[in-house]
Amino acid sequence: MLNIPNLRHLRAISEVVNTGSISKASEVVFLSQPAITQAIAKLEKNIHSGLFERTTDGMKPTEQGEAFSFRIERALEYISKGITDSLKVAKGQRKSSVQRYLFNITTTQLKALIAVSNGQSFTEASRILEVSQSSVYRASKDLEEILGITLFEKNSTGITISKAGSALVMSSKLAFVEIKQGIEEVGL
């Protein structure tokens, strides 16, 4: 499975690009300034590319930072659409505050959702992700609890993804492709 960074960290990077400031971004994404600074440094190290120029006036995105922020925004749009579509299918909700859900969902939970969808069982998903079955189960159930909908259904052959869950699976896959593409673009 792809090594996708923490969604909250990705949102923070996007906000630093938008605001030009770590302190302003921390207020929006509810992460401390040191956490955002560490997230940026870790990602820059992993991709061997600078995303920002540090100045006395704040943080100015490099060309790579602008490109990666664009990919992050697109990925977050995909996930938001997946949440909206899932809620519409499961609850008939047409309008809801997707942001509150988006702030609570983690990369780990979305990876678990995709792995269960692909493996059609928590056991196979744990093999795909190379983590314990209990970790996959917990992440999956936490995601259901956050959204307040059923994403997984038991059947005679294992686990299937509900119609509501299928919308989120597709959107999450597209979001992960965007993030992976962004990492590849800036890491060249």
N, C-alpha and C. Protein backbone atom coordinates (compact mmCIF):
# COMPACT_ATOMS: atom_id res chain seq x y z
N MET A 1 0.86 -1.18 0.00
CA MET A 1 0.00 0.00 0.00
C MET A 1 0.90 1.24 0.00
N LEU A 2 0.41 2.30 -0.54
CA LEU A 2 1.16 3.54 -0.66
C LEU A 2 1.54 4.11 0.70
N ASN A 3 2.68 4.76 0.76
CA ASN A 3 3.09 5.45 1.98
C ASN A 3 2.53 6.87 1.91
N ILE A 4 1.29 7.01 2.34
CA ILE A 4 0.59 8.30 2.28
C ILE A 4 0.78 9.01 3.62
N PRO A 5 1.24 10.25 3.59
CA PRO A 5 1.41 10.99 4.84
C PRO A 5 0.08 11.21 5.56
N ASN A 6 0.17 11.54 6.81
CA ASN A 6 -0.97 11.86 7.67
C ASN A 6 -1.82 12.96 7.02
N LEU A 7 -3.14 12.74 6.93
CA LEU A 7 -4.03 13.72 6.30
C LEU A 7 -4.00 15.07 6.99
N ARG A 8 -3.94 15.07 8.30
CA ARG A 8 -3.91 16.34 9.03
C ARG A 8 -2.63 17.11 8.70
N HIS A 9 -1.52 16.39 8.54
CA HIS A 9 -0.26 17.04 8.16
C HIS A 9 -0.35 17.60 6.75
N LEU A 10 -0.98 16.85 5.87
CA LEU A 10 -1.15 17.33 4.49
C LEU A 10 -2.02 18.59 4.47
N ARG A 11 -3.10 18.58 5.25
CA ARG A 11 -3.95 19.78 5.33
C ARG A 11 -3.15 20.96 5.87
N ALA A 12 -2.27 20.68 6.84
CA ALA A 12 -1.45 21.75 7.43
C ALA A 12 -0.51 22.34 6.37
N ILE A 13 0.11 21.50 5.58
CA ILE A 13 1.01 21.98 4.53
C ILE A 13 0.24 22.85 3.55
N SER A 14 -0.93 22.41 3.16
CA SER A 14 -1.77 23.18 2.25
C SER A 14 -2.12 24.54 2.86
N GLU A 15 -2.44 24.56 4.14
CA GLU A 15 -2.79 25.82 4.81
C GLU A 15 -1.59 26.75 4.94
N VAL A 16 -0.41 26.19 5.14
CA VAL A 16 0.80 27.03 5.19
C VAL A 16 1.00 27.69 3.83
N VAL A 17 0.76 26.96 2.75
CA VAL A 17 0.86 27.54 1.41
C VAL A 17 -0.18 28.66 1.27
N ASN A 18 -1.41 28.40 1.70
CA ASN A 18 -2.50 29.37 1.54
C ASN A 18 -2.31 30.62 2.39
N THR A 19 -1.80 30.44 3.61
CA THR A 19 -1.69 31.58 4.54
C THR A 19 -0.30 32.18 4.60
N GLY A 20 0.71 31.43 4.19
CA GLY A 20 2.08 31.91 4.27
C GLY A 20 2.62 31.91 5.68
N SER A 21 1.94 31.21 6.59
CA SER A 21 2.32 31.26 7.99
C SER A 21 1.99 29.95 8.70
N ILE A 22 2.95 29.45 9.46
CA ILE A 22 2.71 28.25 10.25
C ILE A 22 1.72 28.55 11.37
N SER A 23 1.85 29.72 12.00
CA SER A 23 0.94 30.04 13.11
C SER A 23 -0.50 30.18 12.64
N LYS A 24 -0.72 30.79 11.48
CA LYS A 24 -2.09 30.89 10.95
C LYS A 24 -2.62 29.52 10.56
N ALA A 25 -1.77 28.69 9.97
CA ALA A 25 -2.18 27.34 9.59
C ALA A 25 -2.54 26.52 10.82
N SER A 26 -1.80 26.70 11.91
CA SER A 26 -2.07 25.92 13.12
C SER A 26 -3.45 26.21 13.69
N GLU A 27 -3.92 27.43 13.52
CA GLU A 27 -5.25 27.80 14.00
C GLU A 27 -6.35 27.13 13.17
N VAL A 28 -6.07 26.92 11.90
CA VAL A 28 -7.07 26.34 11.00
C VAL A 28 -7.15 24.82 11.15
N VAL A 29 -5.99 24.15 11.27
CA VAL A 29 -5.98 22.69 11.30
C VAL A 29 -5.85 22.12 12.71
N PHE A 30 -5.79 22.98 13.70
CA PHE A 30 -5.74 22.55 15.11
C PHE A 30 -4.56 21.65 15.42
N LEU A 31 -3.41 22.02 14.87
CA LEU A 31 -2.14 21.38 15.19
C LEU A 31 -1.22 22.46 15.75
N SER A 32 -0.32 22.05 16.62
CA SER A 32 0.63 23.03 17.17
C SER A 32 1.62 23.46 16.09
N GLN A 33 2.21 24.62 16.29
CA GLN A 33 3.22 25.10 15.34
C GLN A 33 4.40 24.13 15.25
N PRO A 34 4.91 23.61 16.39
CA PRO A 34 6.01 22.63 16.27
C PRO A 34 5.61 21.37 15.50
N ALA A 35 4.37 20.93 15.66
CA ALA A 35 3.91 19.74 14.92
C ALA A 35 3.91 20.00 13.42
N ILE A 36 3.46 21.17 13.03
CA ILE A 36 3.45 21.52 11.60
C ILE A 36 4.87 21.64 11.08
N THR A 37 5.72 22.29 11.85
CA THR A 37 7.13 22.44 11.45
C THR A 37 7.77 21.07 11.26
N GLN A 38 7.52 20.14 12.20
CA GLN A 38 8.08 18.79 12.09
C GLN A 38 7.49 18.04 10.89
N ALA A 39 6.20 18.21 10.64
CA ALA A 39 5.57 17.54 9.50
C ALA A 39 6.18 18.00 8.19
N ILE A 40 6.40 19.30 8.07
CA ILE A 40 7.00 19.85 6.86
C ILE A 40 8.42 19.32 6.69
N ALA A 41 9.20 19.38 7.77
CA ALA A 41 10.59 18.92 7.71
C ALA A 41 10.67 17.44 7.35
N LYS A 42 9.81 16.64 7.94
CA LYS A 42 9.81 15.20 7.66
C LYS A 42 9.47 14.92 6.20
N LEU A 43 8.44 15.58 5.71
CA LEU A 43 8.05 15.36 4.32
C LEU A 43 9.15 15.84 3.36
N GLU A 44 9.71 17.02 3.62
CA GLU A 44 10.79 17.53 2.77
C GLU A 44 11.97 16.56 2.75
N LYS A 45 12.28 15.99 3.90
CA LYS A 45 13.39 15.02 3.97
C LYS A 45 13.06 13.76 3.17
N ASN A 46 11.83 13.27 3.32
CA ASN A 46 11.43 12.04 2.63
C ASN A 46 11.39 12.18 1.11
N ILE A 47 11.02 13.37 0.64
CA ILE A 47 10.92 13.55 -0.81
C ILE A 47 12.16 14.23 -1.40
N HIS A 48 13.11 14.56 -0.54
CA HIS A 48 14.37 15.19 -0.97
C HIS A 48 14.13 16.47 -1.76
N SER A 49 13.17 17.27 -1.27
CA SER A 49 12.84 18.50 -1.96
C SER A 49 12.28 19.51 -0.97
N GLY A 50 12.67 20.78 -1.14
CA GLY A 50 12.13 21.83 -0.29
C GLY A 50 10.77 22.29 -0.77
N LEU A 51 9.83 22.40 0.16
CA LEU A 51 8.49 22.86 -0.18
C LEU A 51 8.31 24.35 0.13
N PHE A 52 9.16 24.88 1.01
CA PHE A 52 9.03 26.27 1.45
C PHE A 52 10.39 26.94 1.56
N GLU A 53 10.35 28.24 1.36
CA GLU A 53 11.48 29.09 1.67
C GLU A 53 11.12 29.79 2.97
N ARG A 54 11.97 29.65 3.98
CA ARG A 54 11.71 30.30 5.26
C ARG A 54 12.24 31.72 5.20
N THR A 55 11.36 32.67 5.46
CA THR A 55 11.76 34.08 5.46
C THR A 55 11.32 34.73 6.76
N THR A 56 11.76 35.94 6.99
CA THR A 56 11.35 36.66 8.19
C THR A 56 9.87 37.01 8.14
N ASP A 57 9.30 37.04 6.95
CA ASP A 57 7.88 37.35 6.79
C ASP A 57 6.99 36.11 6.85
N GLY A 58 7.57 34.94 6.97
CA GLY A 58 6.78 33.72 7.02
C GLY A 58 7.32 32.66 6.09
N MET A 59 6.43 31.86 5.59
CA MET A 59 6.80 30.73 4.73
C MET A 59 6.29 30.99 3.32
N LYS A 60 7.22 30.98 2.39
CA LYS A 60 6.86 31.17 0.98
C LYS A 60 7.03 29.83 0.28
N PRO A 61 5.97 29.33 -0.37
CA PRO A 61 6.09 28.03 -1.03
C PRO A 61 7.03 28.11 -2.24
N THR A 62 7.82 27.06 -2.39
CA THR A 62 8.64 26.92 -3.58
C THR A 62 7.72 26.48 -4.72
N GLU A 63 8.27 26.36 -5.89
CA GLU A 63 7.48 25.85 -7.02
C GLU A 63 6.95 24.45 -6.70
N GLN A 64 7.81 23.63 -6.07
CA GLN A 64 7.40 22.29 -5.67
C GLN A 64 6.30 22.35 -4.61
N GLY A 65 6.42 23.29 -3.68
CA GLY A 65 5.41 23.46 -2.64
C GLY A 65 4.05 23.83 -3.22
N GLU A 66 4.05 24.72 -4.19
CA GLU A 66 2.80 25.10 -4.87
C GLU A 66 2.18 23.90 -5.58
N ALA A 67 3.02 23.14 -6.28
CA ALA A 67 2.53 21.97 -7.03
C ALA A 67 1.97 20.92 -6.08
N PHE A 68 2.69 20.68 -4.98
CA PHE A 68 2.23 19.67 -4.03
C PHE A 68 0.95 20.13 -3.33
N SER A 69 0.85 21.39 -3.01
CA SER A 69 -0.36 21.93 -2.38
C SER A 69 -1.57 21.74 -3.30
N PHE A 70 -1.37 21.95 -4.59
CA PHE A 70 -2.43 21.73 -5.57
C PHE A 70 -2.93 20.28 -5.50
N ARG A 71 -1.99 19.34 -5.44
CA ARG A 71 -2.35 17.91 -5.37
C ARG A 71 -3.07 17.60 -4.05
N ILE A 72 -2.61 18.20 -2.95
CA ILE A 72 -3.25 17.98 -1.66
C ILE A 72 -4.69 18.48 -1.71
N GLU A 73 -4.89 19.66 -2.26
CA GLU A 73 -6.24 20.23 -2.35
C GLU A 73 -7.16 19.32 -3.16
N ARG A 74 -6.65 18.80 -4.26
CA ARG A 74 -7.45 17.89 -5.08
C ARG A 74 -7.77 16.62 -4.32
N ALA A 75 -6.80 16.08 -3.59
CA ALA A 75 -7.02 14.87 -2.80
C ALA A 75 -8.09 15.11 -1.73
N LEU A 76 -8.01 16.25 -1.06
CA LEU A 76 -9.00 16.57 -0.02
C LEU A 76 -10.39 16.76 -0.63
N GLU A 77 -10.44 17.29 -1.84
CA GLU A 77 -11.73 17.42 -2.53
C GLU A 77 -12.32 16.05 -2.84
N TYR A 78 -11.48 15.11 -3.27
CA TYR A 78 -11.96 13.75 -3.53
C TYR A 78 -12.52 13.12 -2.26
N ILE A 79 -11.78 13.25 -1.16
CA ILE A 79 -12.24 12.66 0.10
C ILE A 79 -13.52 13.33 0.56
N SER A 80 -13.59 14.64 0.44
CA SER A 80 -14.82 15.36 0.82
C SER A 80 -16.01 14.89 -0.01
N LYS A 81 -15.79 14.70 -1.30
CA LYS A 81 -16.87 14.22 -2.17
C LYS A 81 -17.27 12.81 -1.76
N GLY A 82 -16.30 11.98 -1.43
CA GLY A 82 -16.60 10.62 -0.98
C GLY A 82 -17.42 10.61 0.29
N ILE A 83 -17.09 11.49 1.22
CA ILE A 83 -17.86 11.60 2.46
C ILE A 83 -19.28 12.05 2.14
N THR A 84 -19.40 13.08 1.32
CA THR A 84 -20.72 13.60 0.95
C THR A 84 -21.56 12.52 0.29
N ASP A 85 -20.97 11.81 -0.66
CA ASP A 85 -21.70 10.75 -1.37
C ASP A 85 -22.09 9.61 -0.43
N SER A 86 -21.19 9.25 0.47
CA SER A 86 -21.47 8.17 1.43
C SER A 86 -22.63 8.54 2.33
N LEU A 87 -22.62 9.77 2.84
CA LEU A 87 -23.70 10.23 3.71
C LEU A 87 -25.03 10.31 2.97
N LYS A 88 -24.96 10.70 1.70
CA LYS A 88 -26.17 10.78 0.88
C LYS A 88 -26.78 9.39 0.68
N VAL A 89 -25.93 8.41 0.38
CA VAL A 89 -26.41 7.05 0.16
C VAL A 89 -26.95 6.45 1.47
N ALA A 90 -26.21 6.62 2.56
CA ALA A 90 -26.57 5.97 3.82
C ALA A 90 -27.71 6.66 4.56
N LYS A 91 -27.71 7.98 4.54
CA LYS A 91 -28.67 8.72 5.37
C LYS A 91 -29.60 9.63 4.58
N GLY A 92 -29.36 9.72 3.29
CA GLY A 92 -30.17 10.64 2.50
C GLY A 92 -29.81 12.09 2.74
N GLN A 93 -28.67 12.31 3.41
CA GLN A 93 -28.24 13.68 3.68
C GLN A 93 -27.70 14.31 2.41
N ARG A 94 -28.21 15.45 2.09
CA ARG A 94 -27.72 16.16 0.92
C ARG A 94 -26.68 17.19 1.31
N LYS A 95 -26.90 17.83 2.42
CA LYS A 95 -25.95 18.86 2.86
C LYS A 95 -25.54 18.55 4.28
N SER A 96 -24.28 18.57 4.52
CA SER A 96 -23.77 18.43 5.88
C SER A 96 -22.38 19.06 5.92
N SER A 97 -21.92 19.29 7.10
CA SER A 97 -20.60 19.88 7.27
C SER A 97 -19.54 18.80 7.11
N VAL A 98 -19.07 18.64 5.90
CA VAL A 98 -18.08 17.62 5.59
C VAL A 98 -16.77 17.90 6.32
N GLN A 99 -16.48 19.17 6.56
CA GLN A 99 -15.21 19.52 7.22
C GLN A 99 -15.07 18.87 8.58
N ARG A 100 -16.15 18.78 9.33
CA ARG A 100 -16.03 18.17 10.66
C ARG A 100 -15.66 16.69 10.55
N TYR A 101 -16.14 16.03 9.52
CA TYR A 101 -15.75 14.64 9.30
C TYR A 101 -14.30 14.57 8.81
N LEU A 102 -13.97 15.44 7.89
CA LEU A 102 -12.64 15.44 7.29
C LEU A 102 -11.55 15.67 8.34
N PHE A 103 -11.84 16.47 9.36
CA PHE A 103 -10.85 16.73 10.40
C PHE A 103 -10.61 15.52 11.29
N ASN A 104 -11.55 14.60 11.32
CA ASN A 104 -11.43 13.46 12.22
C ASN A 104 -10.99 12.17 11.55
N ILE A 105 -11.06 12.12 10.24
CA ILE A 105 -10.68 10.92 9.50
C ILE A 105 -9.16 10.90 9.32
N THR A 106 -8.59 9.70 9.45
CA THR A 106 -7.14 9.56 9.31
C THR A 106 -6.77 8.77 8.06
N THR A 107 -5.54 8.90 7.67
CA THR A 107 -5.01 8.13 6.55
C THR A 107 -5.12 6.64 6.86
N THR A 108 -4.82 6.25 8.09
CA THR A 108 -4.88 4.85 8.51
C THR A 108 -6.27 4.29 8.31
N GLN A 109 -7.29 5.05 8.66
CA GLN A 109 -8.67 4.59 8.50
C GLN A 109 -9.03 4.39 7.03
N LEU A 110 -8.61 5.32 6.19
CA LEU A 110 -8.90 5.20 4.76
C LEU A 110 -8.13 4.04 4.14
N LYS A 111 -6.89 3.82 4.58
CA LYS A 111 -6.13 2.67 4.09
C LYS A 111 -6.82 1.38 4.48
N ALA A 112 -7.33 1.33 5.71
CA ALA A 112 -8.03 0.13 6.17
C ALA A 112 -9.28 -0.11 5.33
N LEU A 113 -10.03 0.94 5.05
CA LEU A 113 -11.24 0.83 4.23
C LEU A 113 -10.90 0.26 2.86
N ILE A 114 -9.88 0.79 2.23
CA ILE A 114 -9.48 0.31 0.90
C ILE A 114 -8.99 -1.14 0.97
N ALA A 115 -8.20 -1.46 1.98
CA ALA A 115 -7.67 -2.82 2.11
C ALA A 115 -8.78 -3.84 2.35
N VAL A 116 -9.76 -3.50 3.19
CA VAL A 116 -10.88 -4.40 3.42
C VAL A 116 -11.68 -4.56 2.13
N SER A 117 -11.84 -3.48 1.40
CA SER A 117 -12.55 -3.54 0.12
C SER A 117 -11.81 -4.48 -0.84
N ASN A 118 -10.51 -4.35 -0.90
CA ASN A 118 -9.72 -5.18 -1.81
C ASN A 118 -9.63 -6.63 -1.34
N GLY A 119 -9.47 -6.83 -0.03
CA GLY A 119 -9.27 -8.18 0.50
C GLY A 119 -10.53 -8.91 0.88
N GLN A 120 -11.63 -8.19 1.03
CA GLN A 120 -12.94 -8.72 1.39
C GLN A 120 -12.95 -9.46 2.73
N SER A 121 -11.97 -9.13 3.59
CA SER A 121 -11.97 -9.62 4.97
C SER A 121 -10.95 -8.80 5.75
N PHE A 122 -11.15 -8.77 7.06
CA PHE A 122 -10.20 -8.04 7.90
C PHE A 122 -8.86 -8.77 7.94
N THR A 123 -8.90 -10.09 7.84
CA THR A 123 -7.67 -10.89 7.85
C THR A 123 -6.82 -10.57 6.62
N GLU A 124 -7.45 -10.60 5.46
CA GLU A 124 -6.72 -10.31 4.21
C GLU A 124 -6.26 -8.85 4.20
N ALA A 125 -7.09 -7.96 4.70
CA ALA A 125 -6.70 -6.55 4.76
C ALA A 125 -5.47 -6.37 5.64
N SER A 126 -5.40 -7.13 6.73
CA SER A 126 -4.23 -7.02 7.61
C SER A 126 -2.97 -7.51 6.90
N ARG A 127 -3.11 -8.51 6.05
CA ARG A 127 -1.96 -8.99 5.26
C ARG A 127 -1.53 -7.93 4.24
N ILE A 128 -2.52 -7.32 3.60
CA ILE A 128 -2.23 -6.29 2.60
C ILE A 128 -1.47 -5.13 3.24
N LEU A 129 -1.93 -4.70 4.41
CA LEU A 129 -1.33 -3.54 5.09
C LEU A 129 -0.13 -3.89 5.96
N GLU A 130 0.07 -5.20 6.18
CA GLU A 130 1.15 -5.69 7.03
C GLU A 130 1.05 -5.13 8.45
N VAL A 131 -0.18 -5.18 8.98
CA VAL A 131 -0.44 -4.80 10.37
C VAL A 131 -1.37 -5.87 10.96
N SER A 132 -1.62 -5.79 12.25
CA SER A 132 -2.47 -6.79 12.89
C SER A 132 -3.93 -6.64 12.45
N GLN A 133 -4.64 -7.77 12.51
CA GLN A 133 -6.05 -7.76 12.15
C GLN A 133 -6.82 -6.84 13.08
N SER A 134 -6.46 -6.81 14.35
CA SER A 134 -7.16 -5.94 15.30
C SER A 134 -6.97 -4.47 14.96
N SER A 135 -5.81 -4.11 14.44
CA SER A 135 -5.57 -2.71 14.03
C SER A 135 -6.46 -2.32 12.86
N VAL A 136 -6.58 -3.20 11.90
CA VAL A 136 -7.45 -2.94 10.75
C VAL A 136 -8.90 -2.84 11.19
N TYR A 137 -9.31 -3.77 12.05
CA TYR A 137 -10.69 -3.78 12.54
C TYR A 137 -10.99 -2.49 13.31
N ARG A 138 -10.09 -2.11 14.19
CA ARG A 138 -10.28 -0.89 14.99
C ARG A 138 -10.36 0.34 14.10
N ALA A 139 -9.45 0.47 13.14
CA ALA A 139 -9.46 1.63 12.23
C ALA A 139 -10.74 1.66 11.42
N SER A 140 -11.19 0.50 10.98
CA SER A 140 -12.42 0.42 10.19
C SER A 140 -13.64 0.82 11.01
N LYS A 141 -13.72 0.30 12.21
CA LYS A 141 -14.86 0.62 13.08
C LYS A 141 -14.82 2.07 13.53
N ASP A 142 -13.63 2.62 13.74
CA ASP A 142 -13.52 4.05 14.10
C ASP A 142 -14.04 4.92 12.96
N LEU A 143 -13.74 4.53 11.73
CA LEU A 143 -14.22 5.29 10.57
C LEU A 143 -15.74 5.24 10.50
N GLU A 144 -16.31 4.07 10.71
CA GLU A 144 -17.77 3.95 10.73
C GLU A 144 -18.38 4.84 11.83
N GLU A 145 -17.74 4.85 12.98
CA GLU A 145 -18.24 5.64 14.11
C GLU A 145 -18.17 7.14 13.81
N ILE A 146 -17.08 7.58 13.22
CA ILE A 146 -16.92 9.00 12.88
C ILE A 146 -18.03 9.44 11.92
N LEU A 147 -18.28 8.63 10.90
CA LEU A 147 -19.28 8.98 9.89
C LEU A 147 -20.70 8.66 10.33
N GLY A 148 -20.83 7.74 11.28
CA GLY A 148 -22.16 7.37 11.74
C GLY A 148 -22.94 6.55 10.73
N ILE A 149 -22.23 5.82 9.89
CA ILE A 149 -22.88 4.99 8.87
C ILE A 149 -22.21 3.62 8.80
N THR A 150 -22.89 2.66 8.19
CA THR A 150 -22.35 1.32 8.00
C THR A 150 -21.53 1.30 6.71
N LEU A 151 -20.27 0.94 6.86
CA LEU A 151 -19.39 0.84 5.69
C LEU A 151 -19.10 -0.61 5.32
N PHE A 152 -19.22 -1.51 6.31
CA PHE A 152 -18.86 -2.91 6.11
C PHE A 152 -20.07 -3.79 6.42
N GLU A 153 -20.29 -4.78 5.55
CA GLU A 153 -21.40 -5.71 5.73
C GLU A 153 -20.86 -7.14 5.64
N LYS A 154 -21.29 -7.97 6.59
CA LYS A 154 -20.88 -9.38 6.57
C LYS A 154 -21.76 -10.14 5.59
N ASN A 155 -21.13 -11.09 4.92
CA ASN A 155 -21.89 -12.00 4.06
C ASN A 155 -21.28 -13.39 4.17
N SER A 156 -21.76 -14.33 3.40
CA SER A 156 -21.30 -15.72 3.53
C SER A 156 -19.84 -15.91 3.12
N THR A 157 -19.31 -15.02 2.31
CA THR A 157 -17.93 -15.17 1.86
C THR A 157 -16.95 -14.25 2.57
N GLY A 158 -17.44 -13.41 3.46
CA GLY A 158 -16.54 -12.50 4.18
C GLY A 158 -17.18 -11.16 4.43
N ILE A 159 -16.47 -10.12 4.10
CA ILE A 159 -16.92 -8.76 4.32
C ILE A 159 -17.05 -8.07 2.97
N THR A 160 -18.14 -7.36 2.78
CA THR A 160 -18.28 -6.52 1.60
C THR A 160 -18.42 -5.08 2.06
N ILE A 161 -18.17 -4.20 1.16
CA ILE A 161 -18.30 -2.78 1.44
C ILE A 161 -19.73 -2.37 1.06
N SER A 162 -20.37 -1.63 1.94
CA SER A 162 -21.74 -1.16 1.66
C SER A 162 -21.71 -0.18 0.50
N LYS A 163 -22.90 0.15 -0.01
CA LYS A 163 -22.97 1.13 -1.10
C LYS A 163 -22.39 2.47 -0.64
N ALA A 164 -22.68 2.84 0.59
CA ALA A 164 -22.13 4.10 1.13
C ALA A 164 -20.61 4.01 1.21
N GLY A 165 -20.11 2.86 1.64
CA GLY A 165 -18.67 2.67 1.75
C GLY A 165 -17.98 2.67 0.40
N SER A 166 -18.65 2.14 -0.62
CA SER A 166 -18.06 2.08 -1.96
C SER A 166 -17.74 3.48 -2.50
N ALA A 167 -18.61 4.44 -2.21
CA ALA A 167 -18.36 5.81 -2.66
C ALA A 167 -17.09 6.36 -2.01
N LEU A 168 -16.90 6.06 -0.73
CA LEU A 168 -15.72 6.55 -0.03
C LEU A 168 -14.47 5.80 -0.47
N VAL A 169 -14.60 4.52 -0.78
CA VAL A 169 -13.45 3.74 -1.27
C VAL A 169 -12.94 4.35 -2.57
N MET A 170 -13.83 4.60 -3.52
CA MET A 170 -13.42 5.14 -4.82
C MET A 170 -12.75 6.51 -4.65
N SER A 171 -13.36 7.36 -3.87
CA SER A 171 -12.81 8.70 -3.65
C SER A 171 -11.47 8.65 -2.93
N SER A 172 -11.34 7.74 -1.99
CA SER A 172 -10.08 7.61 -1.26
C SER A 172 -8.96 7.12 -2.17
N LYS A 173 -9.29 6.17 -3.04
CA LYS A 173 -8.29 5.69 -4.00
C LYS A 173 -7.82 6.83 -4.90
N LEU A 174 -8.76 7.62 -5.38
CA LEU A 174 -8.39 8.76 -6.23
C LEU A 174 -7.55 9.78 -5.45
N ALA A 175 -7.92 10.01 -4.20
CA ALA A 175 -7.15 10.95 -3.37
C ALA A 175 -5.73 10.45 -3.16
N PHE A 176 -5.57 9.16 -2.89
CA PHE A 176 -4.24 8.61 -2.68
C PHE A 176 -3.39 8.69 -3.95
N VAL A 177 -4.02 8.51 -5.10
CA VAL A 177 -3.30 8.65 -6.37
C VAL A 177 -2.82 10.09 -6.53
N GLU A 178 -3.67 11.05 -6.19
CA GLU A 178 -3.27 12.47 -6.26
C GLU A 178 -2.07 12.75 -5.37
N ILE A 179 -2.12 12.25 -4.15
CA ILE A 179 -1.02 12.49 -3.21
C ILE A 179 0.25 11.83 -3.70
N LYS A 180 0.12 10.59 -4.17
CA LYS A 180 1.30 9.88 -4.69
C LYS A 180 1.87 10.63 -5.90
N GLN A 181 1.01 11.10 -6.76
CA GLN A 181 1.46 11.86 -7.93
C GLN A 181 2.18 13.13 -7.49
N GLY A 182 1.61 13.82 -6.50
CA GLY A 182 2.24 15.02 -5.98
C GLY A 182 3.61 14.76 -5.41
N ILE A 183 3.76 13.68 -4.67
CA ILE A 183 5.05 13.31 -4.09
C ILE A 183 6.04 13.01 -5.20
N GLU A 184 5.59 12.27 -6.21
CA GLU A 184 6.49 11.96 -7.33
C GLU A 184 6.91 13.22 -8.09
N GLU A 185 5.98 14.14 -8.28
CA GLU A 185 6.30 15.37 -9.01
C GLU A 185 7.33 16.23 -8.28
N VAL A 186 7.17 16.38 -6.98
CA VAL A 186 8.09 17.26 -6.25
C VAL A 186 9.37 16.56 -5.85
N GLY A 187 9.36 15.24 -5.85
CA GLY A 187 10.55 14.51 -5.44
C GLY A 187 11.53 14.24 -6.56
N LEU A 188 11.23 14.71 -7.75
CA LEU A 188 12.11 14.45 -8.90
C LEU A 188 13.39 15.23 -8.83
